[in-house]
PDB file of all heavy atoms in Angstrom:
ATOM      1  N   GLU A   1     198.111  95.127-109.864  1.00  0.00           N
ATOM      2  CA  GLU A   1     199.176  94.129-109.639  1.00  0.00           C
ATOM      3  C   GLU A   1     198.574  92.954-108.935  1.00  0.00           C
ATOM      4  O   GLU A   1     199.025  91.858-109.289  1.00  0.00           O
ATOM      5  CB  GLU A   1     200.208  94.798-108.688  1.00  0.00           C
ATOM      6  CG  GLU A   1     201.127  95.765-109.516  1.00  0.00           C
ATOM      7  CD  GLU A   1     202.085  96.456-108.558  1.00  0.00           C
ATOM      8  OE1 GLU A   1     202.338  96.049-107.320  1.00  0.00           O
ATOM      9  OE2 GLU A   1     202.748  97.509-108.948  1.00  0.00           O
ATOM     10  N   LEU A   2     197.758  93.138-107.877  1.00  0.00           N
ATOM     11  CA  LEU A   2     197.110  91.982-107.263  1.00  0.00           C
ATOM     12  C   LEU A   2     196.260  91.121-108.174  1.00  0.00           C
ATOM     13  O   LEU A   2     196.301  89.946-108.057  1.00  0.00           O
ATOM     14  CB  LEU A   2     196.370  92.509-106.086  1.00  0.00           C
ATOM     15  CG  LEU A   2     197.052  93.049-104.920  1.00  0.00           C
ATOM     16  CD1 LEU A   2     196.160  93.771-103.856  1.00  0.00           C
ATOM     17  CD2 LEU A   2     197.879  91.977-104.248  1.00  0.00           C
ATOM     18  N   ARG A   3     195.518  91.819-109.077  1.00  0.00           N
ATOM     19  CA  ARG A   3     194.770  91.038-109.954  1.00  0.00           C
ATOM     20  C   ARG A   3     195.617  90.146-110.983  1.00  0.00           C
ATOM     21  O   ARG A   3     195.308  89.027-111.215  1.00  0.00           O
ATOM     22  CB  ARG A   3     193.918  91.990-110.841  1.00  0.00           C
ATOM     23  CG  ARG A   3     192.680  92.522-110.093  1.00  0.00           C
ATOM     24  CD  ARG A   3     191.869  93.394-110.939  1.00  0.00           C
ATOM     25  NE  ARG A   3     190.777  93.914-110.180  1.00  0.00           N
ATOM     26  CZ  ARG A   3     190.046  95.024-110.447  1.00  0.00           C
ATOM     27  NH1 ARG A   3     190.518  95.834-111.425  1.00  0.00           N
ATOM     28  NH2 ARG A   3     189.112  95.457-109.662  1.00  0.00           N
ATOM     29  N   GLY A   4     196.696  90.768-111.383  1.00  0.00           N
ATOM     30  CA  GLY A   4     197.695  89.963-112.275  1.00  0.00           C
ATOM     31  C   GLY A   4     198.266  88.801-111.510  1.00  0.00           C
ATOM     32  O   GLY A   4     198.354  87.727-112.067  1.00  0.00           O
ATOM     33  N   GLU A   5     198.674  88.975-110.219  1.00  0.00           N
ATOM     34  CA  GLU A   5     199.206  87.960-109.405  1.00  0.00           C
ATOM     35  C   GLU A   5     198.188  86.904-109.170  1.00  0.00           C
ATOM     36  O   GLU A   5     198.499  85.676-109.337  1.00  0.00           O
ATOM     37  CB  GLU A   5     199.686  88.530-108.097  1.00  0.00           C
ATOM     38  CG  GLU A   5     200.537  87.549-107.275  1.00  0.00           C
ATOM     39  CD  GLU A   5     201.075  88.143-106.013  1.00  0.00           C
ATOM     40  OE1 GLU A   5     201.469  89.301-106.105  1.00  0.00           O
ATOM     41  OE2 GLU A   5     201.007  87.449-105.054  1.00  0.00           O
ATOM     42  N   ASN A   6     196.931  87.257-109.005  1.00  0.00           N
ATOM     43  CA  ASN A   6     195.848  86.258-108.812  1.00  0.00           C
ATOM     44  C   ASN A   6     195.641  85.446-110.055  1.00  0.00           C
ATOM     45  O   ASN A   6     195.439  84.261-109.965  1.00  0.00           O
ATOM     46  CB  ASN A   6     194.544  87.057-108.471  1.00  0.00           C
ATOM     47  CG  ASN A   6     193.581  86.241-107.729  1.00  0.00           C
ATOM     48  OD1 ASN A   6     193.838  85.140-107.306  1.00  0.00           O
ATOM     49  ND2 ASN A   6     192.315  86.720-107.523  1.00  0.00           N
ATOM     50  N   ARG A   7     195.718  86.103-111.272  1.00  0.00           N
ATOM     51  CA  ARG A   7     195.606  85.377-112.473  1.00  0.00           C
ATOM     52  C   ARG A   7     196.671  84.335-112.700  1.00  0.00           C
ATOM     53  O   ARG A   7     196.512  83.215-113.137  1.00  0.00           O
ATOM     54  CB  ARG A   7     195.599  86.426-113.669  1.00  0.00           C
ATOM     55  CG  ARG A   7     194.241  87.044-113.909  1.00  0.00           C
ATOM     56  CD  ARG A   7     194.157  87.809-115.185  1.00  0.00           C
ATOM     57  NE  ARG A   7     195.078  88.863-115.262  1.00  0.00           N
ATOM     58  CZ  ARG A   7     194.819  90.132-114.916  1.00  0.00           C
ATOM     59  NH1 ARG A   7     193.673  90.439-114.348  1.00  0.00           N
ATOM     60  NH2 ARG A   7     195.739  91.138-115.005  1.00  0.00           N
ATOM     61  N   ARG A   8     197.952  84.786-112.278  1.00  0.00           N
ATOM     62  CA  ARG A   8     199.088  83.842-112.459  1.00  0.00           C
ATOM     63  C   ARG A   8     198.938  82.623-111.481  1.00  0.00           C
ATOM     64  O   ARG A   8     199.161  81.543-111.931  1.00  0.00           O
ATOM     65  CB  ARG A   8     200.391  84.535-112.104  1.00  0.00           C
ATOM     66  CG  ARG A   8     200.869  85.493-113.250  1.00  0.00           C
ATOM     67  CD  ARG A   8     202.245  86.006-112.951  1.00  0.00           C
ATOM     68  NE  ARG A   8     202.408  86.840-111.787  1.00  0.00           N
ATOM     69  CZ  ARG A   8     202.088  88.136-111.717  1.00  0.00           C
ATOM     70  NH1 ARG A   8     201.647  88.846-112.789  1.00  0.00           N
ATOM     71  NH2 ARG A   8     202.292  88.821-110.618  1.00  0.00           N
ATOM     72  N   PHE A   9     198.503  82.859-110.301  1.00  0.00           N
ATOM     73  CA  PHE A   9     198.196  81.743-109.309  1.00  0.00           C
ATOM     74  C   PHE A   9     197.175  80.799-109.888  1.00  0.00           C
ATOM     75  O   PHE A   9     197.298  79.576-109.884  1.00  0.00           O
ATOM     76  CB  PHE A   9     197.759  82.281-107.971  1.00  0.00           C
ATOM     77  CG  PHE A   9     198.865  82.655-107.051  1.00  0.00           C
ATOM     78  CD1 PHE A   9     198.978  83.896-106.417  1.00  0.00           C
ATOM     79  CD2 PHE A   9     199.822  81.644-106.745  1.00  0.00           C
ATOM     80  CE1 PHE A   9     199.938  84.117-105.584  1.00  0.00           C
ATOM     81  CE2 PHE A   9     200.841  81.934-105.812  1.00  0.00           C
ATOM     82  CZ  PHE A   9     200.911  83.115-105.271  1.00  0.00           C
ATOM     83  N   ALA A  10     196.113  81.367-110.429  1.00  0.00           N
ATOM     84  CA  ALA A  10     194.994  80.508-110.923  1.00  0.00           C
ATOM     85  C   ALA A  10     195.537  79.684-112.194  1.00  0.00           C
ATOM     86  O   ALA A  10     195.177  78.447-112.245  1.00  0.00           O
ATOM     87  CB  ALA A  10     193.844  81.423-111.472  1.00  0.00           C
ATOM     88  N   MET A  11     196.287  80.359-113.015  1.00  0.00           N
ATOM     89  CA  MET A  11     196.857  79.577-114.218  1.00  0.00           C
ATOM     90  C   MET A  11     197.857  78.385-113.774  1.00  0.00           C
ATOM     91  O   MET A  11     197.768  77.288-114.264  1.00  0.00           O
ATOM     92  CB  MET A  11     197.575  80.511-115.133  1.00  0.00           C
ATOM     93  CG  MET A  11     196.646  81.370-115.971  1.00  0.00           C
ATOM     94  SD  MET A  11     197.335  82.701-116.898  1.00  0.00           S
ATOM     95  CE  MET A  11     198.756  82.109-117.587  1.00  0.00           C
ATOM     96  N   ALA A  12     198.644  78.666-112.725  1.00  0.00           N
ATOM     97  CA  ALA A  12     199.630  77.713-112.198  1.00  0.00           C
ATOM     98  C   ALA A  12     198.736  76.572-111.630  1.00  0.00           C
ATOM     99  O   ALA A  12     199.166  75.362-111.787  1.00  0.00           O
ATOM    100  CB  ALA A  12     200.452  78.259-111.122  1.00  0.00           C
ATOM    101  N   LEU A  13     197.696  76.870-110.887  1.00  0.00           N
ATOM    102  CA  LEU A  13     196.869  75.778-110.334  1.00  0.00           C
ATOM    103  C   LEU A  13     196.229  75.021-111.415  1.00  0.00           C
ATOM    104  O   LEU A  13     196.125  73.715-111.362  1.00  0.00           O
ATOM    105  CB  LEU A  13     195.844  76.420-109.300  1.00  0.00           C
ATOM    106  CG  LEU A  13     194.867  75.428-108.722  1.00  0.00           C
ATOM    107  CD1 LEU A  13     195.670  74.504-107.844  1.00  0.00           C
ATOM    108  CD2 LEU A  13     193.863  76.101-107.921  1.00  0.00           C
ATOM    109  N   GLN A  14     195.765  75.609-112.445  1.00  0.00           N
ATOM    110  CA  GLN A  14     195.018  74.957-113.436  1.00  0.00           C
ATOM    111  C   GLN A  14     196.045  74.025-114.229  1.00  0.00           C
ATOM    112  O   GLN A  14     195.703  72.880-114.507  1.00  0.00           O
ATOM    113  CB  GLN A  14     194.458  75.962-114.478  1.00  0.00           C
ATOM    114  CG  GLN A  14     193.603  75.273-115.489  1.00  0.00           C
ATOM    115  CD  GLN A  14     192.926  76.348-116.456  1.00  0.00           C
ATOM    116  OE1 GLN A  14     193.426  77.402-116.560  1.00  0.00           O
ATOM    117  NE2 GLN A  14     191.976  76.000-117.142  1.00  0.00           N
ATOM    118  N   ALA A  15     197.264  74.415-114.384  1.00  0.00           N
ATOM    119  CA  ALA A  15     198.296  73.574-115.062  1.00  0.00           C
ATOM    120  C   ALA A  15     198.578  72.458-114.250  1.00  0.00           C
ATOM    121  O   ALA A  15     198.729  71.280-114.700  1.00  0.00           O
ATOM    122  CB  ALA A  15     199.560  74.400-115.321  1.00  0.00           C
ATOM    123  N   ALA A  16     198.725  72.640-112.960  1.00  0.00           N
ATOM    124  CA  ALA A  16     199.112  71.507-111.975  1.00  0.00           C
ATOM    125  C   ALA A  16     197.856  70.534-111.934  1.00  0.00           C
ATOM    126  O   ALA A  16     198.103  69.333-111.878  1.00  0.00           O
ATOM    127  CB  ALA A  16     199.317  72.111-110.517  1.00  0.00           C
ATOM    128  N   GLU A  17     196.649  71.062-111.964  1.00  0.00           N
ATOM    129  CA  GLU A  17     195.509  70.196-111.974  1.00  0.00           C
ATOM    130  C   GLU A  17     195.459  69.297-113.227  1.00  0.00           C
ATOM    131  O   GLU A  17     195.142  68.090-113.278  1.00  0.00           O
ATOM    132  CB  GLU A  17     194.132  70.947-111.863  1.00  0.00           C
ATOM    133  CG  GLU A  17     193.907  71.463-110.437  1.00  0.00           C
ATOM    134  CD  GLU A  17     192.766  72.414-110.324  1.00  0.00           C
ATOM    135  OE1 GLU A  17     192.245  72.887-111.402  1.00  0.00           O
ATOM    136  OE2 GLU A  17     192.367  72.768-109.265  1.00  0.00           O
ATOM    137  N   LEU A  18     195.742  69.965-114.387  1.00  0.00           N
ATOM    138  CA  LEU A  18     195.751  69.244-115.676  1.00  0.00           C
ATOM    139  C   LEU A  18     196.794  68.083-115.653  1.00  0.00           C
ATOM    140  O   LEU A  18     196.603  67.034-116.127  1.00  0.00           O
ATOM    141  CB  LEU A  18     195.978  70.200-116.872  1.00  0.00           C
ATOM    142  CG  LEU A  18     194.841  71.048-117.220  1.00  0.00           C
ATOM    143  CD1 LEU A  18     195.157  72.041-118.271  1.00  0.00           C
ATOM    144  CD2 LEU A  18     193.592  70.250-117.650  1.00  0.00           C
ATOM    145  N   LYS A  19     197.946  68.385-115.098  1.00  0.00           N
ATOM    146  CA  LYS A  19     199.044  67.479-115.031  1.00  0.00           C
ATOM    147  C   LYS A  19     198.713  66.314-114.160  1.00  0.00           C
ATOM    148  O   LYS A  19     198.893  65.189-114.438  1.00  0.00           O
ATOM    149  CB  LYS A  19     200.360  68.150-114.574  1.00  0.00           C
ATOM    150  CG  LYS A  19     201.564  67.308-114.544  1.00  0.00           C
ATOM    151  CD  LYS A  19     202.755  68.007-114.259  1.00  0.00           C
ATOM    152  CE  LYS A  19     204.016  67.102-114.298  1.00  0.00           C
ATOM    153  NZ  LYS A  19     205.358  67.792-113.925  1.00  0.00           N
ATOM    154  N   GLN A  20     198.128  66.698-113.061  1.00  0.00           N
ATOM    155  CA  GLN A  20     197.644  65.662-112.053  1.00  0.00           C
ATOM    156  C   GLN A  20     196.569  64.733-112.635  1.00  0.00           C
ATOM    157  O   GLN A  20     196.741  63.516-112.584  1.00  0.00           O
ATOM    158  CB  GLN A  20     196.974  66.403-110.826  1.00  0.00           C
ATOM    159  CG  GLN A  20     196.623  65.440-109.658  1.00  0.00           C
ATOM    160  CD  GLN A  20     197.841  64.917-108.902  1.00  0.00           C
ATOM    161  OE1 GLN A  20     198.903  65.452-108.945  1.00  0.00           O
ATOM    162  NE2 GLN A  20     197.687  63.778-108.174  1.00  0.00           N
ATOM    163  N   LYS A  21     195.634  65.297-113.473  1.00  0.00           N
ATOM    164  CA  LYS A  21     194.693  64.481-114.090  1.00  0.00           C
ATOM    165  C   LYS A  21     195.361  63.577-115.126  1.00  0.00           C
ATOM    166  O   LYS A  21     194.933  62.460-115.260  1.00  0.00           O
ATOM    167  CB  LYS A  21     193.583  65.397-114.703  1.00  0.00           C
ATOM    168  CG  LYS A  21     192.385  64.636-115.337  1.00  0.00           C
ATOM    169  CD  LYS A  21     191.385  65.564-115.710  1.00  0.00           C
ATOM    170  CE  LYS A  21     190.248  64.813-116.390  1.00  0.00           C
ATOM    171  NZ  LYS A  21     189.219  65.767-116.932  1.00  0.00           N
ATOM    172  N   SER A  22     196.172  64.120-115.888  1.00  0.00           N
ATOM    173  CA  SER A  22     196.901  63.318-116.960  1.00  0.00           C
ATOM    174  C   SER A  22     197.651  62.209-116.235  1.00  0.00           C
ATOM    175  O   SER A  22     197.569  61.060-116.827  1.00  0.00           O
ATOM    176  CB  SER A  22     197.764  64.243-117.763  1.00  0.00           C
ATOM    177  OG  SER A  22     198.660  63.483-118.559  1.00  0.00           O
ATOM    178  N   MET A  23     198.352  62.458-115.179  1.00  0.00           N
ATOM    179  CA  MET A  23     199.133  61.422-114.562  1.00  0.00           C
ATOM    180  C   MET A  23     198.153  60.338-114.002  1.00  0.00           C
ATOM    181  O   MET A  23     198.433  59.111-114.097  1.00  0.00           O
ATOM    182  CB  MET A  23     199.987  62.014-113.434  1.00  0.00           C
ATOM    183  CG  MET A  23     201.067  62.912-113.981  1.00  0.00           C
ATOM    184  SD  MET A  23     202.075  62.155-115.384  1.00  0.00           S
ATOM    185  CE  MET A  23     202.928  60.957-114.455  1.00  0.00           C
ATOM    186  N   GLU A  24     197.011  60.754-113.455  1.00  0.00           N
ATOM    187  CA  GLU A  24     196.103  59.766-112.873  1.00  0.00           C
ATOM    188  C   GLU A  24     195.486  58.903-114.052  1.00  0.00           C
ATOM    189  O   GLU A  24     195.359  57.705-113.834  1.00  0.00           O
ATOM    190  CB  GLU A  24     195.003  60.512-112.180  1.00  0.00           C
ATOM    191  CG  GLU A  24     195.368  61.104-110.849  1.00  0.00           C
ATOM    192  CD  GLU A  24     194.271  62.026-110.263  1.00  0.00           C
ATOM    193  OE1 GLU A  24     193.163  62.231-110.855  1.00  0.00           O
ATOM    194  OE2 GLU A  24     194.580  62.556-109.117  1.00  0.00           O
ATOM    195  N   GLU A  25     195.267  59.490-115.192  1.00  0.00           N
ATOM    196  CA  GLU A  25     194.765  58.731-116.304  1.00  0.00           C
ATOM    197  C   GLU A  25     195.792  57.761-116.786  1.00  0.00           C
ATOM    198  O   GLU A  25     195.522  56.581-117.066  1.00  0.00           O
ATOM    199  CB  GLU A  25     194.342  59.687-117.515  1.00  0.00           C
ATOM    200  CG  GLU A  25     193.029  60.531-117.209  1.00  0.00           C
ATOM    201  CD  GLU A  25     192.851  61.484-118.207  1.00  0.00           C
ATOM    202  OE1 GLU A  25     193.697  61.731-119.150  1.00  0.00           O
ATOM    203  OE2 GLU A  25     191.775  62.183-118.172  1.00  0.00           O
ATOM    204  N   LYS A  26     197.149  58.161-116.907  1.00  0.00           N
ATOM    205  CA  LYS A  26     198.172  57.302-117.269  1.00  0.00           C
ATOM    206  C   LYS A  26     198.292  56.181-116.195  1.00  0.00           C
ATOM    207  O   LYS A  26     198.528  55.003-116.637  1.00  0.00           O
ATOM    208  CB  LYS A  26     199.508  58.028-117.475  1.00  0.00           C
ATOM    209  CG  LYS A  26     199.588  58.893-118.664  1.00  0.00           C
ATOM    210  CD  LYS A  26     200.920  59.644-118.677  1.00  0.00           C
ATOM    211  CE  LYS A  26     200.889  60.619-119.844  1.00  0.00           C
ATOM    212  NZ  LYS A  26     202.164  61.426-119.906  1.00  0.00           N
ATOM    213  N   ASN A  27     198.254  56.523-114.960  1.00  0.00           N
ATOM    214  CA  ASN A  27     198.295  55.488-113.903  1.00  0.00           C
ATOM    215  C   ASN A  27     197.202  54.450-114.043  1.00  0.00           C
ATOM    216  O   ASN A  27     197.424  53.259-113.904  1.00  0.00           O
ATOM    217  CB  ASN A  27     198.233  56.205-112.547  1.00  0.00           C
ATOM    218  CG  ASN A  27     199.065  55.548-111.494  1.00  0.00           C
ATOM    219  OD1 ASN A  27     199.824  54.650-111.748  1.00  0.00           O
ATOM    220  ND2 ASN A  27     198.908  55.999-110.260  1.00  0.00           N
ATOM    221  N   GLN A  28     195.999  54.941-114.365  1.00  0.00           N
ATOM    222  CA  GLN A  28     194.839  54.055-114.543  1.00  0.00           C
ATOM    223  C   GLN A  28     195.094  53.147-115.631  1.00  0.00           C
ATOM    224  O   GLN A  28     194.856  51.981-115.541  1.00  0.00           O
ATOM    225  CB  GLN A  28     193.590  54.863-114.678  1.00  0.00           C
ATOM    226  CG  GLN A  28     192.330  54.017-114.930  1.00  0.00           C
ATOM    227  CD  GLN A  28     191.878  53.317-113.718  1.00  0.00           C
ATOM    228  OE1 GLN A  28     192.116  53.683-112.608  1.00  0.00           O
ATOM    229  NE2 GLN A  28     191.257  52.112-113.946  1.00  0.00           N
ATOM    230  N   LEU A  29     195.613  53.580-116.729  1.00  0.00           N
ATOM    231  CA  LEU A  29     195.923  52.771-117.882  1.00  0.00           C
ATOM    232  C   LEU A  29     196.934  51.783-117.682  1.00  0.00           C
ATOM    233  O   LEU A  29     196.841  50.607-118.029  1.00  0.00           O
ATOM    234  CB  LEU A  29     196.386  53.733-119.044  1.00  0.00           C
ATOM    235  CG  LEU A  29     196.626  53.031-120.442  1.00  0.00           C
ATOM    236  CD1 LEU A  29     195.404  52.379-120.929  1.00  0.00           C
ATOM    237  CD2 LEU A  29     197.237  53.978-121.421  1.00  0.00           C
ATOM    238  N   LEU A  30     198.002  52.245-116.829  1.00  0.00           N
ATOM    239  CA  LEU A  30     199.035  51.256-116.527  1.00  0.00           C
ATOM    240  C   LEU A  30     198.535  50.163-115.560  1.00  0.00           C
ATOM    241  O   LEU A  30     198.778  49.013-115.716  1.00  0.00           O
ATOM    242  CB  LEU A  30     200.247  52.007-115.878  1.00  0.00           C
ATOM    243  CG  LEU A  30     201.083  52.742-116.861  1.00  0.00           C
ATOM    244  CD1 LEU A  30     202.126  53.602-116.117  1.00  0.00           C
ATOM    245  CD2 LEU A  30     201.839  51.852-117.835  1.00  0.00           C
ATOM    246  N   GLU A  31     197.572  50.548-114.688  1.00  0.00           N
ATOM    247  CA  GLU A  31     197.018  49.534-113.738  1.00  0.00           C
ATOM    248  C   GLU A  31     196.207  48.551-114.512  1.00  0.00           C
ATOM    249  O   GLU A  31     196.199  47.333-114.256  1.00  0.00           O
ATOM    250  CB  GLU A  31     196.134  50.210-112.697  1.00  0.00           C
ATOM    251  CG  GLU A  31     196.961  50.904-111.714  1.00  0.00           C
ATOM    252  CD  GLU A  31     196.111  51.704-110.695  1.00  0.00           C
ATOM    253  OE1 GLU A  31     194.905  51.592-110.758  1.00  0.00           O
ATOM    254  OE2 GLU A  31     196.746  52.385-109.878  1.00  0.00           O
ATOM    255  N   GLU A  32     195.421  49.105-115.580  1.00  0.00           N
ATOM    256  CA  GLU A  32     194.685  48.104-116.390  1.00  0.00           C
ATOM    257  C   GLU A  32     195.562  47.290-117.216  1.00  0.00           C
ATOM    258  O   GLU A  32     195.267  45.995-117.306  1.00  0.00           O
ATOM    259  CB  GLU A  32     193.786  48.974-117.368  1.00  0.00           C
ATOM    260  CG  GLU A  32     192.610  49.739-116.615  1.00  0.00           C
ATOM    261  CD  GLU A  32     191.876  50.670-117.532  1.00  0.00           C
ATOM    262  OE1 GLU A  32     192.261  50.744-118.762  1.00  0.00           O
ATOM    263  OE2 GLU A  32     191.019  51.405-117.062  1.00  0.00           O
ATOM    264  N   GLN A  33     196.693  47.701-117.720  1.00  0.00           N
ATOM    265  CA  GLN A  33     197.603  46.930-118.454  1.00  0.00           C
ATOM    266  C   GLN A  33     198.274  45.895-117.558  1.00  0.00           C
ATOM    267  O   GLN A  33     198.403  44.721-117.962  1.00  0.00           O
ATOM    268  CB  GLN A  33     198.711  47.783-119.119  1.00  0.00           C
ATOM    269  CG  GLN A  33     198.093  48.616-120.301  1.00  0.00           C
ATOM    270  CD  GLN A  33     199.250  49.561-120.836  1.00  0.00           C
ATOM    271  OE1 GLN A  33     200.260  49.751-120.232  1.00  0.00           O
ATOM    272  NE2 GLN A  33     198.947  50.178-121.925  1.00  0.00           N
ATOM    273  N   ALA A  34     198.629  46.308-116.330  1.00  0.00           N
ATOM    274  CA  ALA A  34     199.159  45.335-115.382  1.00  0.00           C
ATOM    275  C   ALA A  34     198.226  44.233-115.125  1.00  0.00           C
ATOM    276  O   ALA A  34     198.528  43.079-114.943  1.00  0.00           O
ATOM    277  CB  ALA A  34     199.623  46.111-114.161  1.00  0.00           C
ATOM    278  N   SER A  35     196.931  44.613-114.885  1.00  0.00           N
ATOM    279  CA  SER A  35     195.824  43.669-114.628  1.00  0.00           C
ATOM    280  C   SER A  35     195.762  42.665-115.762  1.00  0.00           C
ATOM    281  O   SER A  35     195.659  41.443-115.556  1.00  0.00           O
ATOM    282  CB  SER A  35     194.608  44.343-114.299  1.00  0.00           C
ATOM    283  OG  SER A  35     193.567  43.381-114.114  1.00  0.00           O
ATOM    284  N   ALA A  36     195.758  43.176-117.044  1.00  0.00           N
ATOM    285  CA  ALA A  36     195.599  42.329-118.147  1.00  0.00           C
ATOM    286  C   ALA A  36     196.807  41.405-118.307  1.00  0.00           C
ATOM    287  O   ALA A  36     196.698  40.181-118.632  1.00  0.00           O
ATOM    288  CB  ALA A  36     195.493  43.153-119.466  1.00  0.00           C
ATOM    289  N   LEU A  37     198.053  41.859-117.980  1.00  0.00           N
ATOM    290  CA  LEU A  37     199.167  40.990-118.031  1.00  0.00           C
ATOM    291  C   LEU A  37     199.069  39.980-116.963  1.00  0.00           C
ATOM    292  O   LEU A  37     199.541  38.790-117.157  1.00  0.00           O
ATOM    293  CB  LEU A  37     200.433  41.889-117.783  1.00  0.00           C
ATOM    294  CG  LEU A  37     200.978  42.684-118.981  1.00  0.00           C
ATOM    295  CD1 LEU A  37     202.180  43.618-118.615  1.00  0.00           C
ATOM    296  CD2 LEU A  37     201.449  41.703-120.044  1.00  0.00           C
TER     297      LEU A  37
END
C-alpha cells in the first residue's frame, strides 16, 4: 500500500511539474510577444 501511495505522489508531482513548465514556457512566449509589440 505504501509503495502504491508513493507512486501516486510521484505521478502527481510529475504532472504538476509538467504543468508548471508548460505555463512558464507560455509565459515566456507572451513576454516575448509583449516585447515585440
